[in-house]
N, C-alpha and C. Protein backbone atom coordinates (compact mmCIF):
# COMPACT_ATOMS: atom_id res chain seq x y z
N MET A 1 -75.46 140.25 -82.61
CA MET A 1 -76.21 138.71 -82.72
C MET A 1 -77.30 138.60 -81.25
N GLU A 2 -78.17 137.62 -82.11
CA GLU A 2 -79.30 137.44 -80.79
C GLU A 2 -78.52 136.69 -79.56
N VAL A 3 -77.62 135.54 -80.10
CA VAL A 3 -77.26 134.61 -78.87
C VAL A 3 -76.35 135.53 -78.20
N GLU A 4 -75.82 136.15 -78.71
CA GLU A 4 -74.28 136.94 -77.89
C GLU A 4 -75.31 137.52 -76.95
N GLU A 5 -76.39 138.49 -77.41
CA GLU A 5 -77.14 139.22 -76.41
C GLU A 5 -77.99 138.37 -75.24
N LEU A 6 -78.14 136.96 -75.64
CA LEU A 6 -78.92 136.72 -74.67
C LEU A 6 -78.07 136.55 -73.57
N VAL A 7 -76.86 135.55 -74.10
CA VAL A 7 -75.92 135.12 -73.02
C VAL A 7 -75.48 136.08 -72.12
N GLN A 8 -75.06 137.69 -72.92
CA GLN A 8 -74.70 138.37 -72.09
C GLN A 8 -75.94 138.88 -71.13
N GLU A 9 -76.89 139.01 -71.59
CA GLU A 9 -78.31 138.94 -70.41
C GLU A 9 -78.10 138.41 -69.29
N ILE A 10 -78.23 136.99 -69.66
CA ILE A 10 -77.88 135.79 -68.52
C ILE A 10 -76.72 135.98 -67.84
N ALA A 11 -75.51 136.71 -68.48
CA ALA A 11 -74.18 136.72 -67.41
C ALA A 11 -74.36 137.92 -66.45
N SER A 12 -75.53 139.10 -67.31
CA SER A 12 -75.04 140.16 -66.44
C SER A 12 -75.58 140.24 -64.80
N GLY A 13 -76.44 139.01 -64.43
CA GLY A 13 -77.12 138.65 -62.80
C GLY A 13 -78.21 139.69 -62.84
N LYS A 14 -78.87 140.29 -63.75
CA LYS A 14 -80.16 141.39 -63.45
C LYS A 14 -81.05 141.05 -63.68
N LEU A 15 -81.22 139.69 -63.95
CA LEU A 15 -82.56 138.73 -64.33
C LEU A 15 -83.02 138.08 -63.37
N ASP A 16 -84.51 138.17 -63.15
CA ASP A 16 -84.61 137.61 -62.11
C ASP A 16 -84.98 136.43 -62.84
N LEU A 17 -85.43 135.01 -62.11
CA LEU A 17 -85.31 133.86 -62.58
C LEU A 17 -86.13 133.14 -63.34
N ASP A 18 -87.56 134.00 -63.19
CA ASP A 18 -88.60 133.99 -64.12
C ASP A 18 -88.21 134.41 -65.52
N ASN A 19 -87.46 135.37 -65.86
CA ASN A 19 -86.81 136.08 -67.12
C ASN A 19 -85.61 135.10 -67.49
N MET A 20 -84.69 134.67 -66.48
CA MET A 20 -83.64 134.31 -67.07
C MET A 20 -83.88 132.41 -67.85
N VAL A 21 -85.21 131.92 -67.04
CA VAL A 21 -85.22 130.73 -67.69
C VAL A 21 -85.93 130.95 -69.18
N VAL A 22 -86.71 131.81 -69.27
CA VAL A 22 -87.36 132.47 -71.00
C VAL A 22 -86.45 132.80 -71.72
N LYS A 23 -85.23 133.44 -71.05
CA LYS A 23 -83.99 133.96 -71.79
C LYS A 23 -83.20 132.44 -71.92
N VAL A 24 -83.07 131.40 -71.42
CA VAL A 24 -82.56 130.31 -71.59
C VAL A 24 -83.48 129.52 -72.62
N GLU A 25 -84.60 129.10 -72.60
CA GLU A 25 -85.11 128.36 -73.17
C GLU A 25 -85.27 129.53 -74.66
N LYS A 26 -85.01 130.80 -75.07
CA LYS A 26 -84.92 130.85 -76.08
C LYS A 26 -83.72 130.77 -76.56
N GLY A 27 -82.85 131.10 -76.00
CA GLY A 27 -81.19 130.10 -76.34
C GLY A 27 -81.01 129.12 -77.11
N TYR A 28 -82.03 127.90 -76.39
CA TYR A 28 -82.04 126.60 -76.59
C TYR A 28 -82.93 126.76 -78.52
N GLU A 29 -83.53 127.19 -78.34
CA GLU A 29 -84.77 127.41 -79.65
C GLU A 29 -83.58 127.99 -80.75
N LEU A 30 -82.99 129.10 -80.38
CA LEU A 30 -81.94 129.30 -81.22
C LEU A 30 -80.90 128.73 -82.02
N ILE A 31 -80.12 128.18 -80.38
CA ILE A 31 -79.47 126.98 -81.24
C ILE A 31 -79.55 125.91 -81.80
N LYS A 32 -80.86 125.30 -81.47
CA LYS A 32 -81.40 124.14 -82.48
C LYS A 32 -81.72 124.33 -83.74
N GLY A 33 -82.39 125.70 -84.33
CA GLY A 33 -82.13 126.63 -85.54
C GLY A 33 -81.33 126.44 -86.19
N MET A 34 -80.02 126.88 -85.23
CA MET A 34 -78.96 127.31 -86.01
C MET A 34 -78.37 125.46 -86.63
N ARG A 35 -78.47 124.05 -85.76
CA ARG A 35 -77.96 123.31 -85.96
C ARG A 35 -78.66 122.48 -87.04
N SER A 36 -79.79 123.05 -87.11
CA SER A 36 -80.75 122.22 -87.78
C SER A 36 -80.01 122.86 -89.76
N ARG A 37 -79.99 124.17 -89.65
CA ARG A 37 -79.35 124.76 -90.35
C ARG A 37 -77.80 124.76 -91.29
N LEU A 38 -77.29 124.54 -90.20
CA LEU A 38 -75.83 123.87 -90.20
C LEU A 38 -76.22 122.62 -90.84
N GLY A 39 -76.82 121.79 -90.67
CA GLY A 39 -76.92 120.40 -91.36
C GLY A 39 -77.39 120.47 -92.78
N GLU A 40 -78.07 121.58 -92.87
CA GLU A 40 -78.74 121.46 -94.52
C GLU A 40 -77.51 122.19 -95.25
N VAL A 41 -76.79 123.04 -94.69
CA VAL A 41 -75.88 123.69 -95.31
C VAL A 41 -74.65 122.18 -95.77
N LYS A 42 -74.30 121.58 -94.84
CA LYS A 42 -73.31 120.53 -94.98
C LYS A 42 -73.64 119.35 -95.98
N GLN A 43 -74.91 119.20 -95.87
CA GLN A 43 -75.43 118.36 -96.90
C GLN A 43 -75.48 119.11 -98.38
N LYS A 44 -75.58 120.27 -98.76
CA LYS A 44 -75.76 121.06 -99.43
C LYS A 44 -74.40 120.89 -100.28
N ILE A 45 -73.17 121.67 -99.48
CA ILE A 45 -71.86 121.14 -99.69
C ILE A 45 -71.07 120.06 -99.78
N GLU A 46 -71.88 119.08 -99.39
CA GLU A 46 -71.08 117.55 -99.56
C GLU A 46 -71.96 117.34 -101.24
N LYS A 47 -72.99 117.72 -101.38
CA LYS A 47 -73.61 117.42 -102.67
C LYS A 47 -72.53 118.27 -103.69
N LEU A 48 -72.85 119.23 -103.51
CA LEU A 48 -71.69 120.15 -104.33
C LEU A 48 -70.25 119.54 -104.74
N HIS A 49 -69.92 119.24 -103.95
CA HIS A 49 -68.42 118.58 -103.55
C HIS A 49 -68.43 116.77 -104.51
N ALA A 50 -69.47 116.17 -104.26
CA ALA A 50 -69.50 115.15 -104.90
C ALA A 50 -69.87 115.57 -106.23
N ASP A 51 -70.78 116.33 -106.55
CA ASP A 51 -71.10 116.18 -108.00
C ASP A 51 -70.14 116.91 -108.97
N HIS A 52 -68.83 117.79 -107.95
CA HIS A 52 -67.80 118.07 -108.60
C HIS A 52 -66.23 117.79 -108.45
N SER A 53 -66.23 116.41 -108.29
CA SER A 53 -65.35 116.03 -107.75
C SER A 53 -65.04 114.97 -108.97
N GLU A 54 -63.67 114.74 -109.29
CA GLU A 54 -63.73 114.13 -110.33
C GLU A 54 -63.65 112.67 -109.93
N PRO A 55 -63.80 111.56 -110.66
CA PRO A 55 -63.76 110.16 -110.44
C PRO A 55 -62.58 109.71 -110.09
N ASN A 56 -61.93 109.37 -109.10
CA ASN A 56 -61.26 108.21 -108.69
C ASN A 56 -60.56 107.09 -109.73
N ALA A 57 -59.46 107.34 -110.22
CA ALA A 57 -59.01 106.55 -111.48
C ALA A 57 -58.08 105.15 -111.00
């Protein structure tokens, strides 16, 4: 997975400061995208649950 690879590269200590900053920025971009996607999936699951739940009696 791309995030894991970024973490390994950053943790390796083999990157110069400029490359490390680029990798960290890329990591934050990936995290932002994953959070957005997770929010979309959560909303879809909540809607499915609401649509298929029995009404309270």
